[in-house]
Amino acid sequence: MTRQTFKYETPERFGESLTTARPWNRSALEEVERLNGRAAMLGFVAAIVGELMTGSGIVGQLTGIVRWYLDLG
């Protein structure tokens, strides 16, 4: 029986993988941050539109949904 060998990556210092300028890391983070930013913009616009339609802020909207849901039972 042959002994199994493992090929490990070289160890990095704590936090180094997120802050180094590796091309594969930078492009992956750019895409993730772009997607997160776009999702945040859509959420913000949805909150503003919901406020304009209902006349109450996000807390009032959530309270109304919870009250509606509890009244269904």
C-alpha atoms as a PDB file:
ATOM      1  CA  MET A   1       0.000   0.000   0.000  1.00  0.00           C
ATOM      2  CA  THR A   2       1.452   3.356  -1.016  1.00  0.00           C
ATOM      3  CA  ARG A   3       1.428   6.274   1.339  1.00  0.00           C
ATOM      4  CA  GLN A   4      -0.964   9.024   0.278  1.00  0.00           C
ATOM      5  CA  THR A   5       0.607  12.444  -0.146  1.00  0.00           C
ATOM      6  CA  PHE A   6      -1.254  15.722   0.060  1.00  0.00           C
ATOM      7  CA  LYS A   7      -0.417  18.882  -1.847  1.00  0.00           C
ATOM      8  CA  TYR A   8      -1.218  21.813   0.381  1.00  0.00           C
ATOM      9  CA  GLU A   9      -1.152  25.459  -0.591  1.00  0.00           C
ATOM     10  CA  THR A  10       1.516  27.538   1.027  1.00  0.00           C
ATOM     11  CA  PRO A  11       0.240  29.009   4.306  1.00  0.00           C
ATOM     12  CA  GLU A  12      -0.672  32.685   4.380  1.00  0.00           C
ATOM     13  CA  ARG A  13      -0.615  35.169   7.181  1.00  0.00           C
ATOM     14  CA  PHE A  14      -3.951  36.037   8.777  1.00  0.00           C
ATOM     15  CA  GLY A  15      -6.040  38.243   6.490  1.00  0.00           C
ATOM     16  CA  GLU A  16      -3.525  38.198   3.671  1.00  0.00           C
ATOM     17  CA  SER A  17      -5.781  36.496   1.132  1.00  0.00           C
ATOM     18  CA  LEU A  18      -8.313  39.338   1.257  1.00  0.00           C
ATOM     19  CA  THR A  19      -5.802  42.149   0.986  1.00  0.00           C
ATOM     20  CA  THR A  20      -3.203  40.948  -1.495  1.00  0.00           C
ATOM     21  CA  ALA A  21      -3.278  42.022  -5.122  1.00  0.00           C
ATOM     22  CA  ARG A  22      -3.579  38.555  -6.646  1.00  0.00           C
ATOM     23  CA  PRO A  23      -5.341  38.730 -10.016  1.00  0.00           C
ATOM     24  CA  TRP A  24      -7.728  35.830  -9.279  1.00  0.00           C
ATOM     25  CA  ASN A  25      -8.623  37.258  -5.899  1.00  0.00           C
ATOM     26  CA  ARG A  26      -9.125  40.821  -7.090  1.00  0.00           C
ATOM     27  CA  SER A  27     -11.456  39.926  -9.952  1.00  0.00           C
ATOM     28  CA  ALA A  28     -13.530  37.620  -7.749  1.00  0.00           C
ATOM     29  CA  LEU A  29     -13.929  40.321  -5.103  1.00  0.00           C
ATOM     30  CA  GLU A  30     -14.790  42.952  -7.706  1.00  0.00           C
ATOM     31  CA  GLU A  31     -17.631  40.839  -9.073  1.00  0.00           C
ATOM     32  CA  VAL A  32     -18.990  40.066  -5.607  1.00  0.00           C
ATOM     33  CA  GLU A  33     -18.845  43.703  -4.533  1.00  0.00           C
ATOM     34  CA  ARG A  34     -20.517  44.833  -7.758  1.00  0.00           C
ATOM     35  CA  LEU A  35     -23.356  42.340  -7.207  1.00  0.00           C
ATOM     36  CA  ASN A  36     -23.741  43.376  -3.547  1.00  0.00           C
ATOM     37  CA  GLY A  37     -23.825  47.033  -4.514  1.00  0.00           C
ATOM     38  CA  ARG A  38     -26.490  46.482  -7.143  1.00  0.00           C
ATOM     39  CA  ALA A  39     -28.622  44.430  -4.738  1.00  0.00           C
ATOM     40  CA  ALA A  40     -28.331  47.203  -2.135  1.00  0.00           C
ATOM     41  CA  MET A  41     -29.380  49.826  -4.682  1.00  0.00           C
ATOM     42  CA  LEU A  42     -32.432  47.766  -5.672  1.00  0.00           C
ATOM     43  CA  GLY A  43     -33.379  47.295  -2.030  1.00  0.00           C
ATOM     44  CA  PHE A  44     -33.068  51.007  -1.352  1.00  0.00           C
ATOM     45  CA  VAL A  45     -35.207  51.905  -4.360  1.00  0.00           C
ATOM     46  CA  ALA A  46     -37.808  49.302  -3.339  1.00  0.00           C
ATOM     47  CA  ALA A  47     -37.947  50.800   0.164  1.00  0.00           C
ATOM     48  CA  ILE A  48     -38.437  54.310  -1.242  1.00  0.00           C
ATOM     49  CA  VAL A  49     -41.152  53.153  -3.666  1.00  0.00           C
ATOM     50  CA  GLY A  50     -42.899  51.247  -0.885  1.00  0.00           C
ATOM     51  CA  GLU A  51     -42.797  54.321   1.322  1.00  0.00           C
ATOM     52  CA  LEU A  52     -44.233  56.501  -1.436  1.00  0.00           C
ATOM     53  CA  MET A  53     -47.029  54.003  -2.117  1.00  0.00           C
ATOM     54  CA  THR A  54     -48.051  53.352   1.493  1.00  0.00           C
ATOM     55  CA  GLY A  55     -47.167  56.631   3.172  1.00  0.00           C
ATOM     56  CA  SER A  56     -45.352  54.828   6.012  1.00  0.00           C
ATOM     57  CA  GLY A  57     -41.713  53.980   6.485  1.00  0.00           C
ATOM     58  CA  ILE A  58     -40.122  50.548   6.464  1.00  0.00           C
ATOM     59  CA  VAL A  59     -40.959  49.867  10.120  1.00  0.00           C
ATOM     60  CA  GLY A  60     -44.610  50.738   9.503  1.00  0.00           C
ATOM     61  CA  GLN A  61     -44.695  48.507   6.438  1.00  0.00           C
ATOM     62  CA  LEU A  62     -43.202  45.568   8.320  1.00  0.00           C
ATOM     63  CA  THR A  63     -45.608  46.097  11.207  1.00  0.00           C
ATOM     64  CA  GLY A  64     -48.525  46.090   8.767  1.00  0.00           C
ATOM     65  CA  ILE A  65     -47.342  42.854   7.174  1.00  0.00           C
ATOM     66  CA  VAL A  66     -46.954  41.165  10.555  1.00  0.00           C
ATOM     67  CA  ARG A  67     -50.411  42.317  11.657  1.00  0.00           C
ATOM     68  CA  TRP A  68     -51.931  41.107   8.358  1.00  0.00           C
ATOM     69  CA  TYR A  69     -50.213  37.745   8.702  1.00  0.00           C
ATOM     70  CA  LEU A  70     -51.326  37.271  12.303  1.00  0.00           C
ATOM     71  CA  ASP A  71     -54.941  38.151  11.404  1.00  0.00           C
ATOM     72  CA  LEU A  72     -55.029  35.340   8.799  1.00  0.00           C
ATOM     73  CA  GLY A  73     -54.951  32.615  11.479  1.00  0.00           C
END
